[in-house]
Amino acid sequence: MKWGQLMAALRDGTVTQAEVDSLRDLDLIFLGSDREAAGAETAIALEVSYTINPDDVERAATRADILRRAGYRSIPLVGGDWLADDARPLAEQYGVRVDLRRLST
């Protein structure tokens, strides 16, 4: 990922050092072209857990927001085998995409 934008946002105070540091704790950040947005470069902030709980949803949402404030188009995503009942309404509230797939066979 091109971190120049993130470092510029840090320098101008749009994001804090603690927020930048928290991005390192994401399970995965990847950058690609989003066909739904006419090929716009988009960062995916992904949290992966066997059981997706509210903390996973909040982490993905918060870290995607950090990326947005730094100037990136960003989508929060959680992935796993099962979504806890109390995580579903949070995912809807925060606009976090959910991908449920079997992690083991």
N, C-alpha and C. Protein backbone atom coordinates (compact mmCIF):
# COMPACT_ATOMS: atom_id res chain seq x y z
N MET A 1 0.84 -1.17 0.00
CA MET A 1 0.00 0.00 0.00
C MET A 1 0.88 1.24 0.00
N LYS A 2 0.44 2.25 -0.68
CA LYS A 2 1.17 3.50 -0.72
C LYS A 2 0.88 4.27 0.56
N TRP A 3 1.90 4.42 1.41
CA TRP A 3 1.69 5.01 2.72
C TRP A 3 1.92 6.52 2.75
N GLY A 4 2.26 7.12 1.61
CA GLY A 4 2.51 8.56 1.57
C GLY A 4 1.34 9.38 2.06
N GLN A 5 0.14 9.01 1.64
CA GLN A 5 -1.06 9.72 2.06
C GLN A 5 -1.26 9.61 3.57
N LEU A 6 -1.01 8.43 4.11
CA LEU A 6 -1.18 8.21 5.54
C LEU A 6 -0.18 9.05 6.32
N MET A 7 1.06 9.09 5.87
CA MET A 7 2.09 9.88 6.56
C MET A 7 1.79 11.37 6.46
N ALA A 8 1.26 11.82 5.33
CA ALA A 8 0.87 13.23 5.19
C ALA A 8 -0.27 13.56 6.16
N ALA A 9 -1.23 12.65 6.30
CA ALA A 9 -2.34 12.87 7.24
C ALA A 9 -1.84 12.90 8.68
N LEU A 10 -0.82 12.12 8.98
CA LEU A 10 -0.21 12.13 10.30
C LEU A 10 0.47 13.48 10.55
N ARG A 11 1.23 13.93 9.57
CA ARG A 11 1.93 15.22 9.71
C ARG A 11 0.96 16.38 9.90
N ASP A 12 -0.16 16.36 9.17
CA ASP A 12 -1.08 17.51 9.28
C ASP A 12 -2.11 17.35 10.40
N GLY A 13 -2.03 16.26 11.18
CA GLY A 13 -2.90 16.08 12.33
C GLY A 13 -4.26 15.48 12.03
N THR A 14 -4.48 15.04 10.79
CA THR A 14 -5.76 14.41 10.45
C THR A 14 -5.92 13.08 11.16
N VAL A 15 -4.83 12.37 11.36
CA VAL A 15 -4.81 11.13 12.14
C VAL A 15 -3.67 11.22 13.15
N THR A 16 -3.79 10.43 14.21
CA THR A 16 -2.76 10.44 15.26
C THR A 16 -1.78 9.28 15.06
N GLN A 17 -0.66 9.37 15.77
CA GLN A 17 0.30 8.27 15.72
C GLN A 17 -0.32 6.99 16.26
N ALA A 18 -1.12 7.09 17.31
CA ALA A 18 -1.78 5.90 17.87
C ALA A 18 -2.71 5.26 16.84
N GLU A 19 -3.40 6.07 16.05
CA GLU A 19 -4.28 5.52 15.01
C GLU A 19 -3.46 4.82 13.91
N VAL A 20 -2.37 5.44 13.52
CA VAL A 20 -1.50 4.82 12.52
C VAL A 20 -0.97 3.49 13.06
N ASP A 21 -0.55 3.50 14.31
CA ASP A 21 -0.05 2.27 14.94
C ASP A 21 -1.14 1.19 14.97
N SER A 22 -2.39 1.58 15.19
CA SER A 22 -3.47 0.60 15.27
C SER A 22 -3.71 -0.11 13.94
N LEU A 23 -3.35 0.53 12.85
CA LEU A 23 -3.50 -0.11 11.54
C LEU A 23 -2.62 -1.35 11.42
N ARG A 24 -1.52 -1.36 12.15
CA ARG A 24 -0.62 -2.53 12.12
C ARG A 24 -1.29 -3.77 12.72
N ASP A 25 -2.31 -3.55 13.55
CA ASP A 25 -2.99 -4.66 14.19
C ASP A 25 -4.11 -5.26 13.34
N LEU A 26 -4.42 -4.63 12.21
CA LEU A 26 -5.41 -5.23 11.31
C LEU A 26 -4.88 -6.56 10.80
N ASP A 27 -5.77 -7.51 10.60
CA ASP A 27 -5.33 -8.79 10.06
C ASP A 27 -4.81 -8.63 8.63
N LEU A 28 -5.43 -7.75 7.88
CA LEU A 28 -5.00 -7.54 6.49
C LEU A 28 -5.51 -6.20 5.98
N ILE A 29 -4.66 -5.48 5.30
CA ILE A 29 -5.06 -4.31 4.52
C ILE A 29 -4.62 -4.61 3.11
N PHE A 30 -5.57 -4.54 2.18
CA PHE A 30 -5.13 -4.69 0.80
C PHE A 30 -5.75 -3.61 -0.05
N LEU A 31 -5.07 -3.30 -1.13
CA LEU A 31 -5.44 -2.21 -2.01
C LEU A 31 -5.72 -2.77 -3.38
N GLY A 32 -6.81 -2.33 -3.97
CA GLY A 32 -7.16 -2.80 -5.30
C GLY A 32 -8.15 -1.87 -5.95
N SER A 33 -8.58 -2.24 -7.14
CA SER A 33 -9.57 -1.46 -7.88
C SER A 33 -10.95 -2.00 -7.59
N ASP A 34 -11.87 -1.11 -7.27
CA ASP A 34 -13.24 -1.49 -6.95
C ASP A 34 -14.12 -1.29 -8.17
N ARG A 35 -14.58 -2.39 -8.75
CA ARG A 35 -15.44 -2.30 -9.94
C ARG A 35 -16.74 -1.57 -9.65
N GLU A 36 -17.23 -1.68 -8.41
CA GLU A 36 -18.47 -0.99 -8.04
C GLU A 36 -18.29 0.53 -7.98
N ALA A 37 -17.06 0.98 -7.95
CA ALA A 37 -16.76 2.42 -7.86
C ALA A 37 -15.93 2.85 -9.07
N ALA A 38 -16.29 2.34 -10.24
CA ALA A 38 -15.62 2.71 -11.50
C ALA A 38 -14.11 2.52 -11.44
N GLY A 39 -13.68 1.47 -10.75
CA GLY A 39 -12.26 1.15 -10.71
C GLY A 39 -11.45 1.98 -9.73
N ALA A 40 -12.11 2.72 -8.86
CA ALA A 40 -11.39 3.56 -7.90
C ALA A 40 -10.52 2.71 -6.98
N GLU A 41 -9.32 3.21 -6.73
CA GLU A 41 -8.42 2.52 -5.81
C GLU A 41 -9.07 2.49 -4.42
N THR A 42 -9.13 1.30 -3.83
CA THR A 42 -9.84 1.11 -2.58
C THR A 42 -9.02 0.24 -1.63
N ALA A 43 -8.99 0.66 -0.37
CA ALA A 43 -8.31 -0.12 0.66
C ALA A 43 -9.37 -0.91 1.43
N ILE A 44 -9.11 -2.20 1.63
CA ILE A 44 -9.98 -3.05 2.42
C ILE A 44 -9.33 -3.24 3.79
N ALA A 45 -10.07 -2.91 4.84
CA ALA A 45 -9.61 -3.11 6.21
C ALA A 45 -10.27 -4.38 6.73
N LEU A 46 -9.51 -5.48 6.81
CA LEU A 46 -10.07 -6.79 7.09
C LEU A 46 -9.68 -7.32 8.46
N GLU A 47 -10.69 -7.76 9.21
CA GLU A 47 -10.50 -8.49 10.45
C GLU A 47 -11.04 -9.90 10.23
N VAL A 48 -10.26 -10.92 10.60
CA VAL A 48 -10.65 -12.32 10.41
C VAL A 48 -10.68 -13.02 11.76
N SER A 49 -11.77 -13.73 12.01
CA SER A 49 -11.91 -14.53 13.23
C SER A 49 -12.78 -15.73 12.91
N TYR A 50 -12.55 -16.82 13.62
CA TYR A 50 -13.44 -17.97 13.44
C TYR A 50 -14.86 -17.55 13.77
N THR A 51 -15.03 -16.95 14.95
CA THR A 51 -16.32 -16.38 15.34
C THR A 51 -16.17 -14.86 15.33
N ILE A 52 -16.91 -14.21 14.48
CA ILE A 52 -16.86 -12.75 14.38
C ILE A 52 -17.72 -12.17 15.50
N ASN A 53 -17.09 -11.40 16.38
CA ASN A 53 -17.81 -10.81 17.50
C ASN A 53 -17.86 -9.28 17.34
N PRO A 54 -18.57 -8.58 18.20
CA PRO A 54 -18.67 -7.12 18.07
C PRO A 54 -17.32 -6.40 18.05
N ASP A 55 -16.34 -6.90 18.80
CA ASP A 55 -15.02 -6.27 18.80
C ASP A 55 -14.39 -6.31 17.41
N ASP A 56 -14.54 -7.42 16.69
CA ASP A 56 -14.00 -7.53 15.34
C ASP A 56 -14.65 -6.50 14.42
N VAL A 57 -15.96 -6.37 14.53
CA VAL A 57 -16.70 -5.42 13.69
C VAL A 57 -16.25 -4.00 13.99
N GLU A 58 -16.14 -3.67 15.27
CA GLU A 58 -15.72 -2.32 15.64
C GLU A 58 -14.30 -2.02 15.19
N ARG A 59 -13.40 -2.99 15.31
CA ARG A 59 -12.02 -2.77 14.85
C ARG A 59 -11.97 -2.51 13.35
N ALA A 60 -12.69 -3.30 12.57
CA ALA A 60 -12.69 -3.09 11.12
C ALA A 60 -13.26 -1.72 10.78
N ALA A 61 -14.37 -1.35 11.42
CA ALA A 61 -15.00 -0.05 11.15
C ALA A 61 -14.09 1.10 11.54
N THR A 62 -13.50 1.01 12.70
CA THR A 62 -12.63 2.09 13.20
C THR A 62 -11.40 2.27 12.32
N ARG A 63 -10.80 1.18 11.94
CA ARG A 63 -9.57 1.28 11.15
C ARG A 63 -9.85 1.69 9.71
N ALA A 64 -10.99 1.30 9.16
CA ALA A 64 -11.38 1.79 7.84
C ALA A 64 -11.62 3.29 7.90
N ASP A 65 -12.18 3.76 9.01
CA ASP A 65 -12.39 5.20 9.19
C ASP A 65 -11.06 5.95 9.24
N ILE A 66 -10.08 5.39 9.90
CA ILE A 66 -8.75 6.02 9.94
C ILE A 66 -8.22 6.17 8.51
N LEU A 67 -8.33 5.10 7.74
CA LEU A 67 -7.87 5.15 6.34
C LEU A 67 -8.64 6.21 5.55
N ARG A 68 -9.94 6.31 5.75
CA ARG A 68 -10.75 7.32 5.04
C ARG A 68 -10.31 8.73 5.41
N ARG A 69 -10.10 8.96 6.70
CA ARG A 69 -9.67 10.29 7.13
C ARG A 69 -8.31 10.65 6.57
N ALA A 70 -7.51 9.63 6.26
CA ALA A 70 -6.20 9.86 5.66
C ALA A 70 -6.29 10.03 4.14
N GLY A 71 -7.51 9.93 3.60
CA GLY A 71 -7.70 10.20 2.18
C GLY A 71 -7.88 8.99 1.29
N TYR A 72 -7.92 7.80 1.88
CA TYR A 72 -8.13 6.58 1.10
C TYR A 72 -9.61 6.27 1.00
N ARG A 73 -10.05 5.72 -0.11
CA ARG A 73 -11.38 5.12 -0.18
C ARG A 73 -11.22 3.78 0.53
N SER A 74 -12.05 3.50 1.53
CA SER A 74 -11.83 2.32 2.35
C SER A 74 -13.14 1.61 2.67
N ILE A 75 -13.07 0.29 2.71
CA ILE A 75 -14.21 -0.55 3.03
C ILE A 75 -13.84 -1.43 4.21
N PRO A 76 -14.66 -1.42 5.29
CA PRO A 76 -14.41 -2.34 6.40
C PRO A 76 -15.02 -3.71 6.08
N LEU A 77 -14.29 -4.76 6.42
CA LEU A 77 -14.73 -6.12 6.13
C LEU A 77 -14.34 -7.03 7.28
N VAL A 78 -15.26 -7.90 7.68
CA VAL A 78 -14.95 -8.96 8.64
C VAL A 78 -15.21 -10.29 7.95
N GLY A 79 -14.36 -11.25 8.25
CA GLY A 79 -14.53 -12.56 7.65
C GLY A 79 -14.35 -13.64 8.68
N GLY A 80 -15.06 -14.74 8.50
CA GLY A 80 -14.93 -15.86 9.42
C GLY A 80 -15.94 -16.93 9.13
N ASP A 81 -16.08 -17.82 10.07
CA ASP A 81 -16.97 -18.96 9.91
C ASP A 81 -18.37 -18.68 10.43
N TRP A 82 -18.46 -17.84 11.47
CA TRP A 82 -19.75 -17.61 12.12
C TRP A 82 -19.80 -16.19 12.64
N LEU A 83 -20.97 -15.55 12.52
CA LEU A 83 -21.18 -14.19 13.00
C LEU A 83 -22.04 -14.24 14.26
N ALA A 84 -21.49 -13.77 15.36
CA ALA A 84 -22.24 -13.74 16.62
C ALA A 84 -23.49 -12.89 16.45
N ASP A 85 -24.56 -13.30 17.10
CA ASP A 85 -25.83 -12.58 16.98
C ASP A 85 -25.71 -11.11 17.31
N ASP A 86 -24.91 -10.77 18.32
CA ASP A 86 -24.78 -9.37 18.71
C ASP A 86 -23.84 -8.58 17.80
N ALA A 87 -23.15 -9.25 16.89
CA ALA A 87 -22.27 -8.56 15.94
C ALA A 87 -23.02 -8.12 14.69
N ARG A 88 -24.08 -8.83 14.34
CA ARG A 88 -24.83 -8.51 13.11
C ARG A 88 -25.37 -7.08 13.09
N PRO A 89 -26.07 -6.63 14.17
CA PRO A 89 -26.59 -5.26 14.12
C PRO A 89 -25.49 -4.21 14.06
N LEU A 90 -24.36 -4.49 14.69
CA LEU A 90 -23.24 -3.54 14.62
C LEU A 90 -22.69 -3.46 13.20
N ALA A 91 -22.56 -4.60 12.55
CA ALA A 91 -22.07 -4.60 11.17
C ALA A 91 -22.99 -3.77 10.28
N GLU A 92 -24.28 -3.92 10.47
CA GLU A 92 -25.24 -3.13 9.69
C GLU A 92 -25.13 -1.66 10.04
N GLN A 93 -25.04 -1.35 11.32
CA GLN A 93 -24.95 0.05 11.77
C GLN A 93 -23.71 0.75 11.21
N TYR A 94 -22.56 0.07 11.25
CA TYR A 94 -21.30 0.67 10.81
C TYR A 94 -21.00 0.46 9.33
N GLY A 95 -21.83 -0.28 8.63
CA GLY A 95 -21.58 -0.53 7.21
C GLY A 95 -20.41 -1.46 6.96
N VAL A 96 -20.19 -2.38 7.88
CA VAL A 96 -19.10 -3.35 7.74
C VAL A 96 -19.61 -4.53 6.94
N ARG A 97 -18.90 -4.86 5.89
CA ARG A 97 -19.27 -6.03 5.08
C ARG A 97 -18.85 -7.30 5.81
N VAL A 98 -19.66 -8.34 5.64
CA VAL A 98 -19.43 -9.61 6.33
C VAL A 98 -19.27 -10.71 5.27
N ASP A 99 -18.22 -11.51 5.41
CA ASP A 99 -18.00 -12.65 4.52
C ASP A 99 -17.88 -13.89 5.40
N LEU A 100 -18.89 -14.75 5.33
CA LEU A 100 -18.89 -15.98 6.11
C LEU A 100 -18.54 -17.15 5.20
N ARG A 101 -17.42 -17.75 5.46
CA ARG A 101 -16.97 -18.91 4.70
C ARG A 101 -16.35 -19.89 5.67
N ARG A 102 -16.44 -21.12 5.36
CA ARG A 102 -15.82 -22.14 6.19
C ARG A 102 -14.31 -21.95 6.15
N LEU A 103 -13.72 -21.81 7.32
CA LEU A 103 -12.27 -21.66 7.41
C LEU A 103 -11.57 -23.01 7.46
N SER A 104 -12.33 -24.06 7.81
CA SER A 104 -11.74 -25.39 7.83
C SER A 104 -12.66 -26.34 7.07
N THR A 105 -12.12 -27.46 6.66
CA THR A 105 -12.93 -28.42 5.91
C THR A 105 -13.26 -29.61 6.76
